[in-house]
Each structure stands twice: as C-alpha cells, then as structure tokens.
Protein backbone atom coordinates (compact mmCIF):
# COMPACT_ATOMS: atom_id res chain seq x y z
CA MET A 1 9.55 19.35 -19.91
CA ASN A 2 6.99 17.18 -21.65
CA ASN A 3 7.49 13.82 -19.92
CA ARG A 4 5.12 12.04 -22.30
CA ARG A 5 7.79 11.89 -24.97
CA PHE A 6 9.77 9.39 -22.86
CA LEU A 7 6.86 7.00 -22.17
CA PRO A 8 7.37 4.65 -25.15
CA PHE A 9 10.96 3.95 -24.07
CA THR A 10 9.86 3.37 -20.48
CA PHE A 11 7.20 0.89 -21.54
CA LEU A 12 9.67 -0.86 -23.86
CA PHE A 13 12.19 -1.51 -21.11
CA LEU A 14 9.49 -2.58 -18.64
CA THR A 15 7.95 -4.96 -21.16
CA LEU A 16 11.32 -6.50 -22.01
CA ALA A 17 12.16 -6.95 -18.33
CA LEU A 18 8.82 -8.60 -17.69
CA ALA A 19 9.27 -10.90 -20.67
CA ILE A 20 12.67 -11.99 -19.43
CA GLN A 21 11.34 -12.68 -15.95
CA LEU A 22 8.34 -14.66 -17.15
CA GLY A 23 10.04 -16.60 -19.91
CA VAL A 24 7.61 -15.52 -22.62
CA VAL A 25 8.11 -15.42 -26.39
CA ILE A 26 9.11 -12.18 -28.06
CA ALA A 27 8.31 -11.94 -31.79
CA GLU A 28 10.18 -9.89 -34.37
CA ALA A 29 8.59 -8.31 -37.44
CA ASN A 30 9.28 -5.70 -40.05
CA THR A 31 6.85 -3.38 -38.21
CA SER A 32 7.43 -2.59 -34.52
CA PRO A 33 4.49 -3.63 -32.34
CA ALA A 34 2.64 -1.07 -30.28
CA ILE A 35 3.07 -1.62 -26.55
CA ILE A 36 -0.34 -1.30 -24.94
CA SER A 37 -0.97 -1.73 -21.22
CA GLY A 38 -4.18 -3.46 -20.13
CA THR A 39 -6.70 -1.17 -18.45
CA GLN A 40 -10.30 -1.38 -17.26
CA SER A 41 -13.77 -0.02 -17.88
CA THR A 42 -17.30 -0.74 -16.58
CA GLY A 43 -17.33 -1.52 -12.90
CA THR A 44 -18.35 -4.10 -10.33
CA TRP A 45 -18.85 -4.04 -6.57
CA SER A 46 -16.53 -6.29 -4.54
CA PRO A 47 -15.97 -6.86 -0.80
CA VAL A 48 -12.81 -5.43 0.71
CA THR A 49 -11.10 -6.76 3.83
CA SER A 50 -12.36 -4.87 6.87
CA PRO A 51 -10.45 -4.45 10.15
CA THR A 52 -13.67 -4.36 12.19
CA TYR A 53 -17.05 -5.97 12.72
CA PHE A 54 -18.53 -2.64 13.86
CA THR A 55 -21.43 -1.08 11.99
CA LEU A 56 -19.87 1.52 9.72
CA LEU A 57 -22.01 4.66 9.57
CA SER A 58 -20.29 6.91 7.04
CA VAL A 59 -17.52 6.87 4.45
CA GLU A 60 -15.78 9.81 2.78
CA MET A 61 -12.90 9.73 0.32
CA VAL A 62 -10.30 12.44 -0.22
CA SER A 63 -8.66 10.62 -3.13
CA ALA A 64 -8.09 7.12 -4.44
CA ASN A 65 -5.38 6.72 -1.81
CA ASP A 66 -6.96 8.48 1.15
CA GLY A 67 -10.34 7.98 2.81
CA TRP A 68 -12.16 7.73 6.11
CA ALA A 69 -15.00 5.76 7.69
CA ILE A 70 -16.54 5.84 11.14
CA GLY A 71 -18.45 3.15 12.99
CA THR A 72 -19.98 1.86 16.19
CA GLU A 73 -20.02 -1.51 17.92
CA THR A 74 -23.66 -1.83 18.97
CA PHE A 75 -26.80 0.21 19.49
CA THR A 76 -26.84 -0.44 23.22
CA GLY A 77 -23.38 0.50 24.37
CA GLY A 78 -19.82 -0.15 23.23
CA ASP A 79 -16.81 1.21 21.43
CA ASN A 80 -16.62 3.43 18.38
CA ILE A 81 -14.08 3.47 15.61
CA ILE A 82 -12.43 5.59 12.92
CA LEU A 83 -10.94 3.84 9.89
CA ASN A 84 -8.47 5.18 7.33
CA TRP A 85 -7.86 3.97 3.76
CA ASP A 86 -4.21 4.33 2.79
CA GLY A 87 -4.58 3.27 -0.82
CA THR A 88 -3.93 -0.39 -0.01
CA GLN A 89 -5.94 -1.29 3.07
CA TRP A 90 -8.37 0.02 5.68
CA LEU A 91 -6.72 0.57 9.06
CA ASN A 92 -8.00 1.34 12.55
CA ALA A 93 -7.18 5.01 13.08
CA GLY A 94 -8.72 5.65 16.51
CA THR A 95 -12.04 6.23 18.26
CA ILE A 96 -14.76 8.84 17.93
CA ILE A 97 -15.67 9.42 21.55
CA SER A 98 -13.31 11.60 23.53
CA PRO A 99 -12.88 11.41 27.32
CA THR A 100 -15.14 14.43 27.82
CA VAL A 101 -18.16 12.61 26.39
CA ASP A 102 -19.89 9.70 28.12
CA ASN A 103 -18.49 6.60 26.42
CA SER A 104 -21.17 4.34 27.89
CA THR A 105 -23.70 5.55 25.32
CA THR A 106 -22.94 4.35 21.84
CA VAL A 107 -22.70 6.67 18.88
CA ILE A 108 -25.31 5.63 16.31
CA TYR A 109 -25.23 8.80 14.24
CA GLY A 110 -22.12 9.91 12.40
CA ASP A 111 -20.92 11.70 9.30
CA ILE A 112 -17.64 12.88 7.75
CA ALA A 113 -16.77 15.82 5.50
CA MET A 114 -13.23 16.08 4.14
CA LEU A 115 -11.97 19.28 2.55
CA SER A 116 -8.43 18.10 1.83
CA PRO A 117 -5.90 15.52 3.03
CA THR A 118 -5.06 17.85 5.92
CA ASP A 119 -8.46 19.32 6.76
CA GLY A 120 -11.60 17.42 7.64
CA TRP A 121 -14.47 17.16 10.07
CA LEU A 122 -16.62 14.46 11.61
CA VAL A 123 -19.72 14.66 13.75
CA ALA A 124 -21.28 11.99 15.94
CA GLY A 125 -24.31 11.68 18.17
CA THR A 126 -25.77 9.26 20.67
CA PHE A 127 -28.95 7.21 20.59
CA THR A 128 -30.43 9.25 23.48
CA PHE A 129 -29.97 12.58 21.60
CA GLU A 130 -28.13 13.86 24.67
CA GLN A 131 -24.57 14.05 23.42
CA GLY A 132 -22.68 15.04 20.34
CA ILE A 133 -19.14 15.71 19.29
CA ILE A 134 -17.35 17.53 16.48
CA MET A 135 -13.83 16.35 15.70
CA ARG A 136 -11.29 17.84 13.31
CA TRP A 137 -8.55 16.27 11.22
CA ASN A 138 -5.39 18.35 10.83
CA GLY A 139 -3.42 15.97 8.66
CA VAL A 140 -1.90 14.20 11.66
CA ALA A 141 -4.66 13.34 14.13
CA TRP A 142 -8.37 13.59 14.87
CA THR A 143 -8.97 15.79 17.90
CA GLU A 144 -12.05 16.95 19.76
CA PHE A 145 -13.15 20.40 18.65
CA MET A 146 -16.50 20.79 20.36
CA THR A 147 -19.12 18.83 22.26
CA THR A 148 -22.87 19.43 22.34
CA ALA A 149 -25.85 18.54 24.53
CA ASN A 150 -27.64 17.10 21.49
CA ALA A 151 -26.94 14.40 18.92
CA LEU A 152 -25.01 15.61 15.89
CA VAL A 153 -26.06 13.57 12.88
CA ALA A 154 -24.77 15.05 9.62
CA ILE A 155 -22.28 17.60 8.29
CA ASP A 156 -21.52 19.32 4.99
CA MET A 157 -18.70 21.75 4.31
CA ILE A 158 -19.00 24.45 1.64
CA SER A 159 -15.43 25.63 2.11
CA ALA A 160 -12.71 25.85 4.73
CA SER A 161 -14.50 28.86 6.20
CA ASP A 162 -18.15 27.83 5.80
CA GLY A 163 -19.98 24.68 6.77
CA TRP A 164 -23.08 23.28 8.44
CA ALA A 165 -23.83 20.52 10.93
CA VAL A 166 -27.31 19.32 11.82
CA ALA A 167 -28.40 17.80 15.13
CA SER A 168 -31.44 16.88 17.20
CA ASP A 169 -32.25 17.00 20.88
CA GLY A 170 -35.39 14.90 20.42
CA PHE A 171 -37.64 17.96 20.14
CA GLY A 172 -36.70 19.23 16.69
CA THR A 173 -33.76 20.16 14.48
CA ILE A 174 -30.72 22.20 15.47
CA PHE A 175 -28.27 23.74 13.01
CA TYR A 176 -24.65 24.68 13.75
CA ARG A 177 -22.54 26.77 11.38
CA TRP A 178 -18.77 27.01 10.93
CA ASP A 179 -17.42 30.49 10.20
CA GLY A 180 -13.76 29.59 9.80
CA THR A 181 -13.04 30.02 13.49
CA ALA A 182 -15.83 28.45 15.54
CA TRP A 183 -18.94 26.31 15.33
CA GLN A 184 -21.93 28.27 16.59
CA TRP A 185 -25.62 27.58 17.06
CA ALA A 186 -27.30 28.99 13.94
CA ALA A 187 -30.96 27.95 14.01
CA GLY A 188 -33.51 25.70 15.64
CA LEU A 189 -36.73 24.24 14.23
CA PHE A 190 -39.14 22.99 16.91
CA GLN A 191 -41.01 19.76 16.07
CA ILE A 192 -39.41 19.63 12.63
CA TYR A 193 -37.14 16.62 12.44
CA ALA A 194 -35.05 17.30 9.35
CA PHE A 195 -31.76 16.14 10.84
CA SER A 196 -31.03 12.91 8.92
CA ASP A 197 -28.84 14.53 6.26
CA ILE A 198 -27.77 17.90 4.91
CA ASP A 199 -26.41 19.01 1.52
CA MET A 200 -25.30 22.58 0.90
CA ILE A 201 -25.10 23.79 -2.70
CA SER A 202 -23.73 27.20 -1.73
CA ASN A 203 -23.81 29.62 1.19
CA THR A 204 -27.26 30.76 0.02
CA ASP A 205 -28.83 27.43 -0.94
CA GLY A 206 -29.01 24.15 0.91
CA TRP A 207 -31.30 21.33 2.04
CA ALA A 208 -31.86 19.15 5.09
CA ILE A 209 -34.16 16.14 5.36
CA GLY A 210 -35.50 13.82 8.02
CA LEU A 211 -38.33 11.95 9.69
CA GLY A 212 -41.86 11.79 8.32
CA GLY A 213 -40.81 13.01 4.88
CA GLN A 214 -39.80 16.41 6.26
CA ILE A 215 -37.67 18.68 4.06
CA VAL A 216 -36.28 22.11 4.89
CA ARG A 217 -34.37 24.60 2.76
CA TRP A 218 -31.78 27.31 3.45
CA ASN A 219 -32.18 30.50 1.37
CA GLY A 220 -29.17 32.39 2.67
CA ASN A 221 -31.08 33.90 5.59
CA ALA A 222 -33.22 31.22 7.22
CA TRP A 223 -34.23 27.57 7.23
CA SER A 224 -37.87 26.92 6.36
CA ALA A 225 -40.08 23.92 5.62
CA ALA A 226 -40.46 22.79 2.01
CA SER A 227 -43.27 20.74 0.53
CA SER A 228 -42.73 16.98 0.50
CA PRO A 229 -44.72 14.43 -1.54
CA VAL A 230 -44.19 11.61 1.00
CA THR A 231 -44.53 10.91 4.71
CA MET A 232 -41.90 8.15 4.90
CA SER A 233 -38.66 9.02 6.67
CA LEU A 234 -36.01 10.45 4.36
CA ASN A 235 -32.43 9.36 4.99
CA SER A 236 -30.03 10.88 2.47
CA ILE A 237 -29.82 13.74 -0.03
CA SER A 238 -27.42 14.49 -2.88
CA MET A 239 -27.78 17.68 -4.90
CA VAL A 240 -26.32 17.92 -8.41
CA SER A 241 -27.18 21.61 -8.85
CA THR A 242 -29.75 24.18 -7.82
CA THR A 243 -32.19 22.59 -10.27
CA ASP A 244 -31.39 18.90 -9.89
CA GLY A 245 -31.10 16.71 -6.82
CA TRP A 246 -32.17 13.44 -5.24
CA ILE A 247 -33.42 12.10 -1.90
CA VAL A 248 -33.82 8.47 -0.76
CA GLY A 249 -35.61 7.05 2.24
CA ASP A 250 -37.64 4.31 3.87
CA GLY A 251 -39.65 1.90 1.76
CA GLY A 252 -37.33 2.43 -1.21
CA VAL A 253 -38.69 5.94 -1.71
CA ILE A 254 -36.83 8.11 -4.24
CA LEU A 255 -37.52 11.83 -4.75
CA ARG A 256 -36.16 14.17 -7.39
CA TRP A 257 -35.89 17.96 -7.34
CA SER A 258 -37.08 19.50 -10.58
CA GLY A 259 -35.99 23.02 -9.76
CA ASN A 260 -39.50 23.85 -8.54
CA SER A 261 -40.69 20.90 -6.47
CA TRP A 262 -39.78 17.49 -5.09
CA VAL A 263 -41.42 14.68 -7.07
CA GLN A 264 -41.52 10.99 -6.24
CA VAL A 265 -40.05 8.80 -8.99
CA ALA A 266 -40.24 5.07 -9.65
CA SER A 267 -38.08 2.89 -7.44
CA PRO A 268 -37.11 -0.71 -8.24
CA VAL A 269 -37.17 -1.70 -4.55
CA THR A 270 -39.27 -1.28 -1.43
CA THR A 271 -36.25 -1.79 0.81
CA LYS A 272 -35.11 1.07 3.02
CA LEU A 273 -32.52 3.21 1.23
CA ASN A 274 -29.93 4.78 3.53
CA SER A 275 -27.54 6.76 1.34
CA ILE A 276 -27.29 8.33 -2.11
CA LYS A 277 -24.40 9.86 -4.04
CA MET A 278 -24.82 11.63 -7.38
CA ILE A 279 -21.71 11.90 -9.53
CA SER A 280 -23.42 13.82 -12.34
CA PRO A 281 -26.93 14.32 -13.72
CA THR A 282 -26.60 10.97 -15.53
CA GLU A 283 -24.66 8.95 -12.97
CA GLY A 284 -25.59 8.12 -9.38
CA TRP A 285 -25.77 5.40 -6.74
CA ALA A 286 -27.94 4.56 -3.73
CA VAL A 287 -27.53 1.84 -1.09
CA GLY A 288 -29.76 0.40 1.60
CA ASP A 289 -30.82 -2.53 3.76
CA ASN A 290 -30.18 -6.14 2.75
CA GLY A 291 -27.21 -5.05 0.66
CA VAL A 292 -29.38 -3.24 -1.89
CA ILE A 293 -27.44 -1.20 -4.47
CA LEU A 294 -29.20 0.99 -7.05
CA HIS A 295 -27.70 2.72 -10.07
CA TRP A 296 -28.97 5.78 -11.96
CA ASP A 297 -27.98 5.94 -15.65
CA GLY A 298 -29.69 9.19 -16.53
CA ASN A 299 -33.02 7.55 -17.31
CA THR A 300 -33.92 4.93 -14.69
CA TRP A 301 -32.87 3.54 -11.36
CA THR A 302 -31.95 -0.16 -11.54
CA ASP A 303 -31.21 -2.75 -8.87
CA VAL A 304 -27.69 -4.03 -9.52
CA THR A 305 -25.95 -7.13 -8.26
CA SER A 306 -24.65 -6.75 -4.71
CA PRO A 307 -21.97 -8.94 -3.12
CA THR A 308 -23.50 -8.62 0.36
CA VAL A 309 -26.78 -8.98 2.26
CA TRP A 310 -25.60 -6.75 5.09
CA GLU A 311 -27.24 -3.37 5.57
CA LEU A 312 -25.33 -0.67 3.68
CA ARG A 313 -25.31 2.69 5.47
CA SER A 314 -23.21 5.02 3.32
CA VAL A 315 -21.94 5.36 -0.25
CA THR A 316 -19.49 7.77 -1.85
CA PHE A 317 -17.63 8.12 -5.14
CA ILE A 318 -14.34 9.70 -6.12
CA SER A 319 -15.06 9.32 -9.81
CA GLU A 320 -17.42 7.38 -12.07
CA PHE A 321 -15.42 4.17 -11.64
CA ASP A 322 -14.10 4.51 -8.09
CA GLY A 323 -16.63 4.22 -5.28
CA TRP A 324 -17.07 2.88 -1.74
CA ALA A 325 -19.97 1.66 0.38
CA VAL A 326 -19.94 0.66 4.07
CA GLY A 327 -22.42 -0.84 6.49
CA SER A 328 -23.24 -3.36 9.16
CA GLY A 329 -20.84 -6.07 10.27
CA GLY A 330 -17.91 -3.94 9.18
CA THR A 331 -18.93 -4.38 5.55
CA ILE A 332 -16.78 -2.45 3.07
CA LEU A 333 -17.44 -2.63 -0.67
CA HIS A 334 -15.37 -1.12 -3.46
CA TYR A 335 -16.64 -0.24 -6.93
CA ALA A 336 -13.88 -0.53 -9.50
CA PRO A 337 -13.62 -1.00 -13.26
CA ALA A 338 -14.12 -4.45 -14.70
CA ALA A 339 -11.45 -5.57 -17.14
CA ALA A 340 -12.08 -4.85 -20.80
CA THR A 341 -11.93 -8.08 -22.79
CA LEU A 342 -11.26 -9.00 -26.41
CA THR A 343 -11.89 -12.56 -27.59
CA SER A 344 -11.63 -14.34 -30.93
CA ASN A 345 -13.67 -17.24 -32.29
CA TYR A 346 -10.49 -19.00 -33.50
CA THR A 347 -6.81 -18.84 -32.58
CA THR A 348 -5.45 -20.29 -35.83
CA GLY A 349 -6.44 -20.37 -39.49
CA GLN A 350 -4.75 -20.39 -42.88
CA SER A 351 -4.40 -17.28 -45.01
CA GLY A 352 -7.80 -16.14 -46.25
CA SER A 353 -9.52 -17.01 -42.98
CA PHE A 354 -11.91 -14.68 -41.22
CA PHE A 355 -11.44 -14.14 -37.47
CA THR A 356 -14.37 -12.71 -35.48
CA PHE A 357 -13.48 -10.61 -32.43
CA THR A 358 -15.85 -9.64 -29.61
CA GLY A 359 -15.07 -6.77 -27.24
CA SER A 360 -16.72 -6.26 -23.83
CA ASN A 361 -16.56 -3.73 -20.96
CA PHE A 362 -15.46 -0.82 -23.10
CA PRO A 363 -16.89 2.71 -22.65
CA ALA A 364 -20.46 2.65 -23.96
CA ASN A 365 -21.19 4.56 -27.16
CA GLY A 366 -17.53 5.36 -27.72
CA THR A 367 -15.11 4.44 -30.49
CA ALA A 368 -12.22 1.99 -30.40
CA THR A 369 -8.90 1.91 -32.21
CA ILE A 370 -7.91 -1.49 -33.60
CA ILE A 371 -4.18 -2.19 -33.83
CA VAL A 372 -2.70 -5.35 -35.35
CA ASN A 373 1.04 -5.90 -34.82
CA GLY A 374 1.53 -2.17 -34.36
CA VAL A 375 -0.46 -1.14 -37.44
CA THR A 376 -3.66 0.83 -36.88
CA LEU A 377 -6.47 -0.62 -39.00
CA THR A 378 -9.16 1.82 -37.77
CA ASN A 379 -9.69 4.36 -35.03
CA THR A 380 -13.44 4.71 -35.49
CA LEU A 381 -14.85 1.30 -34.54
CA ALA A 382 -18.23 1.97 -32.90
CA ILE A 383 -18.89 0.64 -29.39
CA ASP A 384 -22.53 -0.07 -28.54
CA ASN A 385 -24.49 1.16 -25.53
CA SER A 386 -23.54 -1.91 -23.50
CA GLY A 387 -19.80 -1.37 -23.99
CA GLY A 388 -19.41 -4.10 -26.62
CA PHE A 389 -18.55 -4.50 -30.28
CA VAL A 390 -17.98 -7.19 -32.92
CA LEU A 391 -15.48 -6.95 -35.77
CA LEU A 392 -14.05 -9.35 -38.36
CA LEU A 393 -10.48 -9.53 -39.63
CA ASN A 394 -9.94 -10.76 -43.20
CA THR A 395 -6.53 -12.42 -43.63
CA SER A 396 -6.59 -12.90 -47.42
CA GLN A 397 -3.57 -10.56 -47.71
CA ALA A 398 -1.88 -11.68 -44.50
CA ASP A 399 1.37 -13.66 -44.36
CA ALA A 400 1.86 -16.71 -42.20
CA GLY A 401 2.85 -15.77 -38.67
CA TYR A 402 1.68 -14.46 -35.31
CA TYR A 403 -0.68 -11.47 -34.95
CA SER A 404 -1.38 -9.45 -31.82
CA VAL A 405 -4.71 -7.60 -31.88
CA THR A 406 -5.40 -4.69 -29.53
CA ALA A 407 -8.63 -2.74 -29.12
CA THR A 408 -8.03 0.48 -27.23
CA THR A 409 -10.05 3.47 -26.06
CA ASN A 410 -8.46 3.67 -22.62
CA PRO A 411 -9.32 1.00 -21.58
CA SER A 412 -7.64 -1.51 -23.85
CA ALA A 413 -7.58 -5.27 -24.33
CA THR A 414 -5.35 -7.54 -26.37
CA THR A 415 -5.63 -11.04 -27.86
CA SER A 416 -3.92 -12.88 -30.69
CA PHE A 417 -4.22 -15.34 -33.56
CA THR A 418 -1.87 -17.20 -35.90
CA VAL A 419 -2.03 -17.56 -39.66
CA ASP A 420 -0.80 -21.09 -40.31
CA PRO A 421 -0.84 -22.77 -43.76
CA ASN A 422 -1.50 -26.10 -42.05
CA ALA A 423 -4.58 -24.83 -40.18
CA PRO A 424 -8.15 -24.97 -41.52
CA LEU A 425 -9.56 -22.18 -43.68
CA ARG A 426 -11.96 -20.34 -41.37
CA PRO A 427 -15.13 -19.06 -43.08
CA GLN A 428 -16.80 -15.80 -42.16
CA GLU A 429 -18.89 -16.16 -39.01
CA GLY A 430 -21.16 -13.44 -37.68
CA SER A 431 -21.53 -9.91 -38.96
CA GLY A 432 -19.86 -6.62 -38.27
CA PRO A 433 -17.23 -4.29 -39.72
CA ILE A 434 -14.63 -6.19 -41.77
CA LEU A 435 -11.01 -5.01 -41.61
CA ASN A 436 -8.26 -6.33 -43.90
CA VAL A 437 -5.00 -7.44 -42.31
CA PRO A 438 -2.19 -6.17 -44.60
CA GLY A 439 0.77 -8.22 -45.71
CA GLY A 440 4.27 -7.69 -44.39
CA ILE A 441 3.41 -7.28 -40.72
CA ALA A 442 3.40 -10.88 -39.45
CA PHE A 443 5.63 -11.79 -36.52
CA THR A 444 7.69 -14.62 -37.99
CA GLN A 445 10.88 -14.82 -35.92
CA PHE A 446 10.75 -15.87 -32.28
CA ILE A 447 13.26 -15.51 -29.50
CA TYR A 448 12.73 -17.84 -26.56
CA LEU A 449 13.89 -16.26 -23.35
CA PRO A 450 14.63 -18.39 -20.27
CA LEU A 451 12.63 -18.09 -17.10
CA VAL A 452 14.52 -16.19 -14.42
CA GLN A 453 13.59 -17.07 -10.86
CA LYS A 454 14.45 -14.89 -7.93
C-alpha cells in the first residue's frame, strides 16, 4: 500500500485539531489552502544537557535516536563512564573499566565503533600505557570482551567480521584485528607511534596516525610508514575514499590525501584539533581545544561560531544536518538545522500593493516553490549560495482578504499578508522576481474557534 496517498487527510485533521486547541482563526476561500508543515535547513551548534562533568573522549551515533559516548573523570585517577542517547536525552549507561582491570588508573584513551543498534565495540586505555580493554555491545549491555597489557586508543570496524584496534605500550604501535570470532595481535611497529587514530577504507586499505606527524598505511598484507609533511602530532583521520581523506592535529594542522601523497592545507586556526569527520568530499567538520569548530564546504576550512570554550575531543555526524561533538566538562553539542524563515516588508496594503518577501536558511543553490493560499505561483524560484532569496508579490489582481504565503523546498516557511482597501498603497521596494497574485483566492470568511484548555 502507498501510505503517501493518505497524508493530506492526516495533516488536515491534525491541523484542525491544533487550531481548535489554540483558538486560532481558520479562513475559508474558494481555493483550498495547501497544508505545509514547518521544517528546517542550515544548521547551528547548540549545547545539550549532559548527565556528567567527566571529560568525554569519543562519541558515535547509530541513528538519530541511538548513540554512545565514553568519558573519564580526571587524568590522575577516578571513575569512567558510558553514556547513551535515546533520542531525547543522554543517560548514564555504565562504566568502562571492568573488575579485571585496575580501576585506580584512569582511562584517558577511548573510542567507539558501532555496527548496528545491537552490535558495537569500544576500546579504552590508561595513561600509563599498561592496561587496555575491549568491550562489546550486544543490544542489551556492554560487557568485557578482552583485556590487554597495553593502552588501546582507537578502533574502526570494516564489517561484523573484520575490524582493527590500535594500541601502544609506550615503545611503539600495536595492532589488533577482529576476525569475526576473536581479537588477535596482528602487527607491531617499534618506535613508530601511530596509535592516535585509525580509519579503514577496506580490508586492503587503511591508515593510522600518531605522534610526531607519523602516518602508517595498511596495504592488505602489512603496515608500513608513509611520508608525512609535518612533525606535529596528528590526532584524527577521516577518509572519504581511497583518493581523498583528511587528518588534523596539533597547532591547527590539516592534511589532505590527494591519492598520491599527504599535503598540508591552509588552516584558519593554530589551536590543537582533536577530531575530524568527513560526511562527503564537500562536507566535513573538525573540532579542537577552546571549543574550536571548523567546517569544510568543498573549498575552504572556516572557523564557525562555537557555543563553548571547553576542549572538544570528538565529533561525528549521522547526516549533513545531524551531528554531535563532546569534550571536557561533560560538554555535549548538537548540530541541527536552523529554521527556514520567510518575512515580508509589510503585513497589510491595498490592492495594487507590492509585498517584498525575504527567505533565509533554505538549501543553498536550490529552487523554491511559492504557494499563495494553496495556489502555486512558481516552482523554480532560485535560492542563492547563502540559502536566501528575495521575491515580490504584485497584488494588482488580488481581492481584499487574507493571504498565506509558503516557500517550500523541504524545508518550508510560511508568512502572511492582508489586502485591505483601507490600508496604504505599498510601492515596489527592492528587486527580484515579481509574481502576480491572482484574483479569486483571497480568504474572506473567518471562523473564530474558542480556546480549549485541558
């Protein structure tokens, strides 16, 4: 069954119920109005209530309603924590350290990799590089799977039967590999400290990065050192494909993989960058100390407004407009769409007036459909590269009455104006596409519904 055919009736009943509850005015006309729900577009970062003051080390989302973060109390000894996002709030879901690992030494390294709502992994390691743990999520609980005599720092899963974890014992880098049944020691690199992060593109191609600008690559058979253009410590890597990827590190350093070599690119900050997440070749984010947040738009990295000055340790995205960042002091930030807006220069004017409408926060370089009282005036209104547009409505043919104006592209926004013979004649202001409002569509009869209180 195609359920979409029943949506207009569902929206009609919901809108009528809401109108009755709120005591709003419903207008009648000879053309039925389109019922458009308000949605959102370009995003902003906002703080989210956190259940902890612990430093949060890593965040990983399964979906918009399911996600995980891990954290630690201090760098000198204390408790550790696992948080779960249930779609509404972040909740304390347990601790990282199991009874078989010395709980007196605080975890300061940690990472999560979720394969599904019922299958996930986390790794954690201690400041002394002497202890590590791998835990598994089975859909019900996190349980200890394996402990190590070195500090596990990062993990990346290729599939349910193939994954990698990277660790250090203070003398180099150690790799563990999951074969679907067990985690086993896979390789060791003496005096190469590429354990800060790992990103596997496939079972024959992957990267790990670390201290002193060190980079190593997996070719399907062995890990080997790769050339690096910097000596600053590298903290996070996110590969888009075999020919495109990014690394961030200390001093605001940003590297890009060209398919042949790693090249340093311009950075807008000198602040330490701790985490990077690429959504696509033209969309990515990086976070760092002092609340720094950077955005990649396909051409440049820019420093965007941050709602915090706390150190941000990890960033992840579910989609272009749904992202999370976590850090010190229990800081949790959420990136979500900002509301699309549609405003008019006047709310009333007599017939023959021009009304100028300004739209904001719509999808950049797209097209909008303009609907007035249920009548589509155009479906090809151009949106500029900042997500905005300007249009003018000419009411020389319009009857007196109320007009609802909606601009929609998913997102949508709605505003209104009234043609009133007793109002001033509004001259044309500004420039842009001019659309004519036809006669015979004005809302002229009003039903006042009482407010119903529960």
